[in-house]
Every structure is written in structure tokens, then in C-alpha cells.
Amino acid sequence: MAVYRFKVFFEDSESVSREIDIKSSQTFEDFHTIIQTAISFDGAHPTSFYVSGDTWRKGKEITLLHKKHSAGLKGIWMHETKLASYVEDPHQRFVYEFDPEGGNWILLVELMKIIPEDSVSYPRINKSTGAAPMQYKMTAADVVPVEEEDDELVDDVEDEYVHPEAVQQYDATEEEESAVPRLVVKEMAMELPAEEAIEEEPAEDEMADDEDESHEQEDFA
């Protein structure tokens, strides 16, 4: 049985391509599944193959039967259409469109050659070139903001030290704050023992007056 070797590449970047081998008797749904595997997409969106010619114009559509399709809807469905039914040219081309309402991915498919069947499982990826783009692009809503600490604010808080006993004074009224020093002095005076009281020394002027009076008394005598 014949095996088709197709080259599949992105419309906007031929540098990202895949070579896929698939039997002529296999279906377009089999082809769709291996393409999704080859580019690491999830296959969860509407997809169609379009029969094309040399200019890559879309012709007859072969559609993936999706759950959203109503029963009895007519069309050419991938799961019941074999590749051989639409390969009419040695370099047959197809346009593969995936998720047209979302990412709108378009890949171009070209038959490279027909090879004999081998003792391997088909369909299979024969060659991969380049890294496929991410299916889902990140948006601003997906980015979680990282809160940065304000180093200057932290330093100011760490450098400023407030003694625990001083906290109560912040809530005191002006009248209460003015009374604090007087109360402290009064309490210290009451606690001072009598024997520790310091006797006041007479001033120098008073001592001089006493000496003059004693000299006058001596002279008078």
C-alpha cells in the first residue's frame, strides 16, 4: 500500500516544518491528529483541510466533525474521507486551518513523494525542523504582579526605635504632659532620706561680714 510523505509548514514561517508519513488509506482525521501532535497543539478547536492548487487558494473543504455541529448537517467530514480521495497530483497541496475564530493557525501541506509501506506504525513524524510557536499567547491578565518591598521604608522603620514606656505619652494631653515633670520632682524629693540632705554652705560675702565683725570686737576691746 502506498504511503504519502507530506511536508507541513506554517504559512508565515517555512523554517518551522514537519515531514509526516501517512497511508493513502488513512483518513483526514488521522492526518489532523498527527499534525496536532507534531506541533504540540491540543486539537480542541474547529479544523478544516482545503484542497488547493499551486497558488494555495482554498478549494473544497474537508471539515473535522465537531460537537457543535448539529445532527444531520451535511458536509465532507474528515473521519469518513480517505486521503487517496483527494490526492490527484504528484505534488498535491492542501491548506490546513485550525482554530479560525481564535489563533487562526494556517499551515500549508504539500505532497513530497510516495514511498513504499514499511513495518512501522502510521501515521508518523519522519522529520521535525524548528520549534513550533506556542498555541496560546500570554495576555496581561495571565501575568501575576510581584509585589516589591520598599527598601527605604523598611530601613526607616528599622532605624527608628521607640521605647515601650514612651508609647503612653503619645496619647497624653498637653495638660497631662506638662504635669509629668513636676510630679517626678515631687516624688523624688519625698523619697530622699533626711540624713542624705546636703547642708548649704554659707556664701563668701556672709563669711567676710562675720570676720569683720569679729575684728571690730577685738579692736574695741
Protein backbone atom coordinates (compact mmCIF):
# COMPACT_ATOMS: atom_id res chain seq x y z
CA MET A 1 0.00 0.00 0.00
CA ALA A 2 1.22 3.49 -0.84
CA VAL A 3 2.46 5.87 1.83
CA TYR A 4 2.34 9.63 1.33
CA ARG A 5 5.13 11.80 2.66
CA PHE A 6 3.85 15.33 3.22
CA LYS A 7 5.71 18.47 4.17
CA VAL A 8 3.69 20.58 6.62
CA PHE A 9 4.81 24.11 7.50
CA PHE A 10 3.40 27.32 8.95
CA GLU A 11 2.14 29.86 6.44
CA ASP A 12 4.22 32.69 7.96
CA SER A 13 7.33 30.64 8.69
CA GLU A 14 8.52 27.87 6.40
CA SER A 15 11.53 27.40 8.69
CA VAL A 16 9.23 25.50 11.07
CA SER A 17 8.21 22.36 9.24
CA ARG A 18 7.36 18.69 9.74
CA GLU A 19 7.58 15.69 7.45
CA ILE A 20 4.70 13.30 8.02
CA ASP A 21 4.24 9.81 6.58
CA ILE A 22 0.67 8.57 6.32
CA LYS A 23 -1.03 5.75 4.43
CA SER A 24 -3.19 6.59 1.44
CA SER A 25 -6.00 4.59 3.05
CA GLN A 26 -6.00 6.62 6.25
CA THR A 27 -8.40 9.49 6.83
CA PHE A 28 -8.04 13.23 7.01
CA GLU A 29 -8.88 12.98 10.71
CA ASP A 30 -5.82 10.73 11.15
CA PHE A 31 -3.81 13.37 9.31
CA HIS A 32 -5.25 16.14 11.53
CA THR A 33 -4.35 14.22 14.70
CA ILE A 34 -0.71 13.64 13.72
CA ILE A 35 -0.29 17.29 12.66
CA GLN A 36 -1.52 18.43 16.07
CA THR A 37 0.91 16.05 17.77
CA ALA A 38 3.78 17.24 15.57
CA ILE A 39 3.32 20.90 16.55
CA SER A 40 2.26 20.22 20.18
CA PHE A 41 -1.22 21.73 19.85
CA ASP A 42 -4.26 20.38 21.68
CA GLY A 43 -6.62 19.76 18.75
CA ALA A 44 -9.55 21.17 20.71
CA HIS A 45 -10.81 23.67 18.12
CA PRO A 46 -12.58 23.63 14.73
CA THR A 47 -10.33 22.50 11.89
CA SER A 48 -10.56 22.12 8.14
CA PHE A 49 -8.46 20.94 5.21
CA TYR A 50 -8.95 22.77 1.92
CA VAL A 51 -8.00 21.14 -1.35
CA SER A 52 -5.57 23.53 -3.05
CA GLY A 53 -3.50 24.05 -6.18
CA ASP A 54 -0.20 25.70 -6.96
CA THR A 55 -1.30 29.13 -5.70
CA TRP A 56 -2.51 27.89 -2.28
CA ARG A 57 -6.07 29.00 -2.92
CA LYS A 58 -8.73 27.32 -0.82
CA GLY A 59 -10.94 24.88 -2.69
CA LYS A 60 -13.20 22.11 -1.43
CA GLU A 61 -13.41 21.97 2.39
CA ILE A 62 -12.96 18.79 4.44
CA THR A 63 -14.10 19.52 7.98
CA LEU A 64 -13.49 17.95 11.37
CA LEU A 65 -16.81 16.84 12.81
CA HIS A 66 -17.06 18.90 16.00
CA LYS A 67 -19.51 18.57 18.86
CA LYS A 68 -21.02 21.94 18.00
CA HIS A 69 -22.17 20.66 14.61
CA SER A 70 -25.87 19.83 14.70
CA ALA A 71 -27.07 16.35 13.78
CA GLY A 72 -27.84 15.84 10.11
CA LEU A 73 -25.58 18.66 8.95
CA LYS A 74 -24.19 17.87 5.52
CA GLY A 75 -20.53 18.24 4.64
CA ILE A 76 -17.33 16.42 3.80
CA TRP A 77 -16.10 15.06 7.14
CA MET A 78 -12.53 14.16 7.97
CA HIS A 79 -13.33 10.94 9.80
CA GLU A 80 -15.03 9.37 6.77
CA THR A 81 -12.81 10.74 3.96
CA LYS A 82 -9.62 8.93 2.93
CA LEU A 83 -6.57 10.83 1.75
CA ALA A 84 -6.47 8.95 -1.55
CA SER A 85 -9.84 10.51 -2.45
CA TYR A 86 -8.27 13.95 -2.90
CA VAL A 87 -4.68 13.26 -3.89
CA GLU A 88 -4.80 13.83 -7.63
CA ASP A 89 -1.41 15.43 -8.24
CA PRO A 90 2.15 14.18 -7.58
CA HIS A 91 2.62 17.38 -5.54
CA GLN A 92 -0.89 17.71 -4.22
CA ARG A 93 -1.42 20.64 -1.84
CA PHE A 94 -3.81 21.33 0.99
CA VAL A 95 -4.39 24.33 3.24
CA TYR A 96 -4.85 23.29 6.88
CA GLU A 97 -6.74 25.82 9.00
CA PHE A 98 -7.01 25.38 12.76
CA ASP A 99 -8.99 27.47 15.28
CA PRO A 100 -10.17 30.14 12.80
CA GLU A 101 -12.07 32.07 15.49
CA GLY A 102 -9.13 32.09 17.93
CA GLY A 103 -5.48 31.75 16.95
CA ASN A 104 -6.37 31.28 13.27
CA TRP A 105 -3.42 29.00 12.59
CA ILE A 106 -2.80 28.24 8.91
CA LEU A 107 -0.41 25.54 7.78
CA LEU A 108 0.45 24.60 4.23
CA VAL A 109 0.61 20.93 3.25
CA GLU A 110 2.43 19.62 0.19
CA LEU A 111 2.94 16.06 -1.00
CA MET A 112 6.68 15.43 -1.39
CA LYS A 113 6.67 11.87 -2.64
CA ILE A 114 5.06 8.47 -2.42
CA ILE A 115 7.10 5.82 -0.62
CA PRO A 116 6.61 2.10 -0.07
CA GLU A 117 5.00 0.99 3.17
CA ASP A 118 7.38 -0.10 5.89
CA SER A 119 6.92 -2.17 9.04
CA VAL A 120 6.25 0.90 11.21
CA SER A 121 3.14 2.47 12.68
CA TYR A 122 1.39 5.11 10.57
CA PRO A 123 0.85 8.00 10.58
CA ARG A 124 4.22 9.03 11.94
CA ILE A 125 6.52 12.07 12.10
CA ASN A 126 9.51 11.45 9.85
CA LYS A 127 11.35 14.75 10.46
CA SER A 128 10.96 17.92 12.53
CA THR A 129 12.60 21.25 11.76
CA GLY A 130 12.32 24.31 14.02
CA ALA A 131 10.33 24.88 17.20
CA ALA A 132 6.60 25.39 16.76
CA PRO A 133 5.12 28.58 18.26
CA MET A 134 3.06 28.45 21.44
CA GLN A 135 -0.58 27.72 20.73
CA TYR A 136 -1.87 30.15 23.36
CA LYS A 137 -0.22 33.53 23.78
CA MET A 138 0.03 35.01 27.27
CA THR A 139 -2.07 38.07 27.99
CA ALA A 140 -1.72 40.79 30.63
CA ALA A 141 -4.38 39.03 32.72
CA ASP A 142 -2.20 35.91 32.90
CA VAL A 143 0.73 37.77 34.40
CA VAL A 144 0.74 37.75 38.20
CA PRO A 145 2.20 41.01 39.55
CA VAL A 146 5.05 40.61 42.03
CA GLU A 147 4.92 42.98 44.94
CA GLU A 148 8.24 44.68 45.58
CA GLU A 149 9.15 45.78 49.07
CA ASP A 150 10.05 49.41 49.58
CA ASP A 151 13.60 49.11 50.94
CA GLU A 152 13.73 52.76 52.02
CA LEU A 153 10.51 52.42 54.01
CA VAL A 154 11.76 49.25 55.67
CA ASP A 155 15.07 50.90 56.59
CA ASP A 156 13.29 53.89 58.13
CA VAL A 157 11.12 51.65 60.26
CA GLU A 158 14.08 49.60 61.43
CA ASP A 159 16.21 52.66 62.33
CA GLU A 160 13.51 54.40 64.35
CA TYR A 161 13.32 52.95 67.85
CA VAL A 162 10.60 53.91 70.32
CA HIS A 163 10.93 52.91 73.96
CA PRO A 164 7.89 51.00 75.23
CA GLU A 165 7.38 53.34 78.19
CA ALA A 166 7.18 56.32 75.87
CA VAL A 167 4.18 54.99 73.98
CA GLN A 168 1.69 56.19 76.62
CA GLN A 169 2.98 59.76 76.35
CA TYR A 170 1.89 59.96 72.69
CA ASP A 171 -1.75 59.82 73.76
CA ALA A 172 -1.41 62.26 76.67
CA THR A 173 -2.94 65.73 76.52
CA GLU A 174 -0.83 68.87 76.80
CA GLU A 175 -2.01 69.42 80.38
CA GLU A 176 -1.05 65.89 81.39
CA GLU A 177 2.35 66.12 79.67
CA SER A 178 3.17 69.40 81.48
CA ALA A 179 2.33 67.80 84.83
CA VAL A 180 4.66 64.85 84.40
CA PRO A 181 7.98 66.61 85.23
CA ARG A 182 6.58 68.27 88.34
CA LEU A 183 5.20 65.02 89.68
CA VAL A 184 8.51 63.30 89.14
CA VAL A 185 10.45 66.01 91.03
CA LYS A 186 7.99 65.94 93.91
CA GLU A 187 8.17 62.17 94.23
CA MET A 188 11.98 62.25 94.19
CA ALA A 189 12.04 64.86 96.94
CA MET A 190 9.69 62.83 99.12
CA GLU A 191 11.82 59.72 98.71
CA LEU A 192 15.11 61.46 99.60
CA PRO A 193 16.20 60.43 103.21
CA ALA A 194 16.74 63.24 105.73
CA GLU A 195 20.31 62.20 106.57
CA GLU A 196 21.28 62.47 102.90
CA ALA A 197 20.16 66.08 102.74
CA ILE A 198 23.04 68.38 101.76
CA GLU A 199 23.73 71.23 104.19
CA GLU A 200 24.02 74.53 102.42
CA GLU A 201 27.42 76.26 102.71
CA PRO A 202 27.37 79.98 103.62
CA ALA A 203 28.10 82.34 100.83
CA GLU A 204 31.53 84.07 100.66
CA ASP A 205 30.01 87.54 101.37
CA GLU A 206 28.40 86.35 104.59
CA MET A 207 31.72 84.78 105.75
CA ALA A 208 33.52 88.08 105.12
CA ASP A 209 30.95 90.05 107.16
CA ASP A 210 31.40 87.66 110.11
CA GLU A 211 35.18 88.13 110.03
CA ASP A 212 34.85 91.96 110.01
CA GLU A 213 32.53 91.89 112.99
CA SER A 214 35.00 89.70 114.94
CA HIS A 215 37.88 92.12 114.16
CA GLU A 216 35.86 95.12 115.26
CA GLN A 217 35.04 93.44 118.55
CA GLU A 218 38.72 92.71 119.14
CA ASP A 219 39.71 96.31 118.36
CA PHE A 220 37.06 97.67 120.63
CA ALA A 221 38.26 95.50 123.42
